[in-house]
Amino acid sequence: MSRAAKFSTWNVGSLLSNLARNTATLINTVKQDAPDVLCMQELPYSQDLWDKIKQNCGFEHFYYYKTSRSHVAEGWDMGIGIFSKYPLSDLAVRELTLPTERIFYGGREESWHRKFYLKAALSLNGSSVTLFTGHGFPFYRYGLSEEEHSSVYGEIDSFISECSPTPDYVICTDFNAYNAVRFMPFVSRTHRDVFADTPTRPTGRKTDAIVIPTAKDILASRNETVDGMDHNYLSVTVSL
């Protein structure tokens, strides 16, 4: 009997624009799709929110790594979260090198937020899978070129190569880049971005990705624009 698992990813920073309404929308979206593993970027630091997601969407396991203050609402910390129906083990974190450029947005100078990538090992339906998730720098926001900062994606690539004993790994992420995999030689040898040529935000921009082994069959995929959220909800069901 063939085995399958569903992985999803979602940047939910805009959740804070209307927390009550958007939380209900978020839970309904995830509950309907029923992923085995959900990775979230810019997830607010809120035990109440995490508990609601876990209890309503069937997740037993959760890991959170705090990364920065919110740029959407004052008084909130943000981070990267992994929700899973299966145990998470062998967790590791890699901080990316901060760019050196001064950056300006909306007429004021801003500071670079610290960015991180996480690794976790999972046992899914009898198969071992290594999961990577994280949040990249928004170079496009400041008119900067991804090509000129390809070393950042090289750092992610190196982290994955160091942490992946087998090719059975999946990346669920907001790269904040149109096609970061082209700058990742270790990943691109054996993996592909399922949504490579498809917008992942309501604005038509491509920043988010689910990267799976080229040899794996895609049994289903979802790229859904959700009202009130500025990133689409993505999921992929793959054969194991």
Protein backbone atom coordinates (compact mmCIF):
# COMPACT_ATOMS: atom_id res chain seq x y z
CA MET A 1 0.00 0.00 0.00
CA SER A 2 1.38 3.41 -0.96
CA ARG A 3 1.75 6.01 1.78
CA ALA A 4 1.24 9.76 1.49
CA ALA A 5 1.64 12.90 3.57
CA LYS A 6 0.34 16.43 3.22
CA PHE A 7 2.64 19.39 3.92
CA SER A 8 1.48 23.00 4.07
CA THR A 9 3.01 26.43 4.56
CA TRP A 10 1.57 29.86 5.30
CA ASN A 11 2.96 33.28 6.17
CA VAL A 12 0.33 34.65 8.56
CA GLY A 13 1.80 38.03 9.52
CA SER A 14 -1.30 39.83 8.27
CA LEU A 15 -3.34 37.85 10.79
CA LEU A 16 -2.85 40.75 13.20
CA SER A 17 -4.70 43.22 10.96
CA ASN A 18 -7.93 41.70 12.35
CA LEU A 19 -6.99 39.02 14.85
CA ALA A 20 -10.44 37.69 15.76
CA ARG A 21 -11.79 37.43 12.23
CA ASN A 22 -8.58 36.23 10.64
CA THR A 23 -8.00 33.57 13.31
CA ALA A 24 -11.38 32.02 12.51
CA THR A 25 -10.59 32.16 8.78
CA LEU A 26 -7.17 30.62 9.34
CA ILE A 27 -8.55 27.74 11.40
CA ASN A 28 -11.33 27.03 8.91
CA THR A 29 -8.85 26.94 6.03
CA VAL A 30 -6.42 24.59 7.76
CA LYS A 31 -9.14 22.38 9.23
CA GLN A 32 -10.72 21.91 5.80
CA ASP A 33 -7.39 20.99 4.17
CA ALA A 34 -6.26 18.78 7.08
CA PRO A 35 -2.46 18.76 6.52
CA ASP A 36 -0.19 16.40 8.42
CA VAL A 37 2.34 19.19 8.92
CA LEU A 38 1.75 22.96 8.86
CA CYS A 39 4.64 25.45 8.80
CA MET A 40 3.88 29.09 9.58
CA GLN A 41 6.02 32.18 9.19
CA GLU A 42 5.42 35.46 11.06
CA LEU A 43 3.25 33.53 13.48
CA PRO A 44 2.38 35.75 16.48
CA TYR A 45 3.76 34.76 19.86
CA SER A 46 0.45 33.78 21.48
CA GLN A 47 -0.19 30.60 23.47
CA ASP A 48 -3.93 31.14 23.07
CA LEU A 49 -3.62 31.29 19.28
CA TRP A 50 -1.38 28.22 19.15
CA ASP A 51 -3.79 26.25 21.34
CA LYS A 52 -6.74 27.17 19.11
CA ILE A 53 -4.89 25.97 16.01
CA LYS A 54 -3.81 22.72 17.69
CA GLN A 55 -7.19 21.91 19.19
CA ASN A 56 -9.26 22.75 16.11
CA CYS A 57 -6.96 21.30 13.44
CA GLY A 58 -5.86 18.04 15.05
CA PHE A 59 -2.20 18.82 15.71
CA GLU A 60 -0.59 17.11 18.69
CA HIS A 61 2.92 18.51 18.33
CA PHE A 62 4.21 22.06 18.04
CA TYR A 63 7.50 23.92 17.95
CA TYR A 64 7.98 27.70 17.93
CA TYR A 65 11.06 29.81 17.37
CA LYS A 66 10.75 33.54 18.09
CA THR A 67 12.44 35.73 15.47
CA SER A 68 11.47 39.43 15.63
CA ARG A 69 8.99 42.10 16.59
CA SER A 70 5.96 42.41 14.35
CA HIS A 71 6.01 45.02 11.59
CA VAL A 72 2.21 44.77 11.29
CA ALA A 73 1.08 45.53 14.86
CA GLU A 74 2.85 46.99 17.87
CA GLY A 75 3.48 44.90 20.95
CA TRP A 76 3.66 41.51 19.23
CA ASP A 77 6.57 39.15 18.77
CA MET A 78 6.69 37.00 15.66
CA GLY A 79 8.28 33.69 14.87
CA ILE A 80 8.30 30.44 12.93
CA GLY A 81 5.94 27.67 13.98
CA ILE A 82 5.68 23.99 13.07
CA PHE A 83 2.41 22.19 13.82
CA SER A 84 2.44 18.44 13.30
CA LYS A 85 0.25 15.39 13.80
CA TYR A 86 3.46 13.42 14.32
CA PRO A 87 6.34 13.90 16.79
CA LEU A 88 9.08 16.41 15.96
CA SER A 89 12.66 15.52 16.84
CA ASP A 90 16.29 16.47 16.12
CA LEU A 91 15.46 20.17 15.95
CA ALA A 92 18.14 22.56 14.68
CA VAL A 93 18.25 26.29 13.89
CA ARG A 94 20.42 28.33 11.53
CA GLU A 95 20.51 32.14 11.62
CA LEU A 96 21.13 33.82 8.26
CA THR A 97 23.75 36.54 7.80
CA LEU A 98 22.23 40.00 7.95
CA PRO A 99 22.67 42.11 4.77
CA THR A 100 24.87 45.18 5.11
CA GLU A 101 22.86 47.66 3.00
CA ARG A 102 20.97 50.54 4.56
CA ILE A 103 17.30 50.16 3.66
CA PHE A 104 14.46 52.64 3.33
CA TYR A 105 10.74 52.07 2.98
CA GLY A 106 7.93 54.61 2.93
CA GLY A 107 10.39 57.46 3.38
CA ARG A 108 11.98 56.12 6.58
CA GLU A 109 14.99 54.00 7.35
CA GLU A 110 14.31 50.47 8.55
CA SER A 111 16.36 47.78 10.23
CA TRP A 112 16.82 44.27 8.86
CA HIS A 113 14.91 41.65 10.87
CA ARG A 114 16.94 38.63 11.90
CA LYS A 115 16.04 35.61 9.78
CA PHE A 116 16.23 31.92 10.59
CA TYR A 117 15.73 28.45 9.14
CA LEU A 118 14.63 25.44 11.18
CA LYS A 119 15.06 21.71 10.72
CA ALA A 120 13.00 18.92 12.28
CA ALA A 121 12.88 15.17 11.80
CA LEU A 122 9.50 13.47 11.44
CA SER A 123 8.25 9.91 11.19
CA LEU A 124 5.23 10.10 8.89
CA ASN A 125 3.17 6.98 8.27
CA GLY A 126 6.23 4.82 8.76
CA SER A 127 8.52 6.96 6.60
CA SER A 128 11.27 9.26 7.89
CA VAL A 129 11.24 12.79 6.50
CA THR A 130 13.39 15.82 7.32
CA LEU A 131 11.47 19.11 7.32
CA PHE A 132 12.92 22.58 6.75
CA THR A 133 11.09 25.86 7.20
CA GLY A 134 12.02 29.49 7.57
CA HIS A 135 11.65 33.05 6.39
CA GLY A 136 13.91 34.90 3.97
CA PHE A 137 14.86 38.55 3.52
CA PRO A 138 12.45 40.65 1.40
CA PHE A 139 15.07 42.11 -0.94
CA TYR A 140 12.40 43.10 -3.48
CA ARG A 141 10.73 45.33 -0.88
CA TYR A 142 13.80 47.57 -0.90
CA GLY A 143 14.55 47.40 -4.61
CA LEU A 144 17.50 45.05 -4.07
CA SER A 145 18.42 42.17 -6.35
CA GLU A 146 18.09 38.53 -5.31
CA GLU A 147 21.02 37.71 -7.63
CA GLU A 148 23.31 40.08 -5.72
CA HIS A 149 22.34 38.36 -2.46
CA SER A 150 22.48 34.77 -3.68
CA SER A 151 24.90 33.93 -0.84
CA VAL A 152 21.93 34.08 1.56
CA TYR A 153 20.22 31.24 -0.29
CA GLY A 154 23.57 29.48 -0.38
CA GLU A 155 23.55 29.57 3.43
CA ILE A 156 20.14 27.89 3.45
CA ASP A 157 21.43 25.35 0.93
CA SER A 158 24.44 24.58 3.12
CA PHE A 159 22.25 24.18 6.20
CA ILE A 160 20.05 21.68 4.35
CA SER A 161 23.02 19.74 3.00
CA GLU A 162 24.51 19.49 6.49
CA CYS A 163 21.24 18.29 8.04
CA SER A 164 19.91 15.92 5.36
CA PRO A 165 21.27 12.38 5.60
CA THR A 166 18.87 11.26 2.83
CA PRO A 167 17.09 12.96 -0.09
CA ASP A 168 13.75 12.55 1.71
CA TYR A 169 13.40 16.14 2.87
CA VAL A 170 10.73 18.76 2.27
CA ILE A 171 11.05 22.56 2.49
CA CYS A 172 7.96 24.57 3.46
CA THR A 173 8.90 28.21 3.49
CA ASP A 174 8.53 31.86 2.62
CA PHE A 175 11.78 32.43 0.74
CA ASN A 176 10.69 36.03 0.02
CA ALA A 177 12.13 35.33 -3.43
CA TYR A 178 10.69 34.39 -6.80
CA ASN A 179 12.96 31.41 -7.43
CA ALA A 180 15.44 30.89 -4.61
CA VAL A 181 16.07 27.25 -5.56
CA ARG A 182 18.15 28.36 -8.56
CA PHE A 183 20.75 29.66 -6.05
CA MET A 184 20.74 26.38 -4.09
CA PRO A 185 22.85 23.75 -5.90
CA PHE A 186 22.44 21.00 -3.30
CA VAL A 187 18.65 21.35 -3.28
CA SER A 188 18.18 21.82 -7.02
CA ARG A 189 20.01 18.58 -7.86
CA THR A 190 17.20 16.45 -6.48
CA HIS A 191 14.29 18.78 -5.61
CA ARG A 192 11.78 21.14 -7.21
CA ASP A 193 9.49 23.92 -6.10
CA VAL A 194 5.92 22.72 -6.70
CA PHE A 195 4.67 26.29 -7.22
CA ALA A 196 7.70 27.55 -9.14
CA ASP A 197 5.83 29.55 -11.77
CA THR A 198 2.70 30.40 -9.81
CA PRO A 199 1.94 33.53 -7.73
CA THR A 200 1.65 32.74 -4.03
CA ARG A 201 0.30 36.12 -2.90
CA PRO A 202 -2.91 37.97 -3.81
CA THR A 203 -0.76 40.74 -5.33
CA GLY A 204 0.54 38.28 -7.94
CA ARG A 205 4.01 38.04 -6.42
CA LYS A 206 5.76 34.68 -5.93
CA THR A 207 7.55 34.40 -2.58
CA ASP A 208 6.42 31.17 -0.92
CA ALA A 209 7.45 27.60 -1.72
CA ILE A 210 7.02 23.94 -1.00
CA VAL A 211 10.07 22.08 -2.30
CA ILE A 212 9.83 18.30 -2.65
CA PRO A 213 12.01 15.51 -4.06
CA THR A 214 11.75 15.36 -7.84
CA ALA A 215 11.19 11.60 -7.59
CA LYS A 216 8.07 11.98 -5.44
CA ASP A 217 4.62 11.97 -7.00
CA ILE A 218 2.32 14.92 -6.32
CA LEU A 219 -1.07 13.49 -5.41
CA ALA A 220 -2.76 16.86 -4.75
CA SER A 221 -1.83 20.51 -4.35
CA ARG A 222 -3.52 23.67 -3.17
CA ASN A 223 -2.64 27.34 -3.65
CA GLU A 224 -5.47 29.36 -2.13
CA THR A 225 -5.91 33.09 -1.74
CA VAL A 226 -7.60 33.65 1.64
CA ASP A 227 -9.59 36.77 2.42
CA GLY A 228 -7.77 39.06 4.85
CA MET A 229 -4.36 37.41 4.41
CA ASP A 230 -1.51 38.75 2.28
CA HIS A 231 0.03 35.33 1.55
CA ASN A 232 -1.74 32.35 0.02
CA TYR A 233 -2.20 29.08 1.84
CA LEU A 234 -0.15 26.33 0.13
CA SER A 235 -0.27 22.58 0.57
CA VAL A 236 1.07 19.54 -1.28
CA THR A 237 0.23 15.86 -0.81
CA VAL A 238 3.15 13.67 -1.84
CA SER A 239 3.77 9.95 -2.05
CA LEU A 240 6.15 8.51 0.51
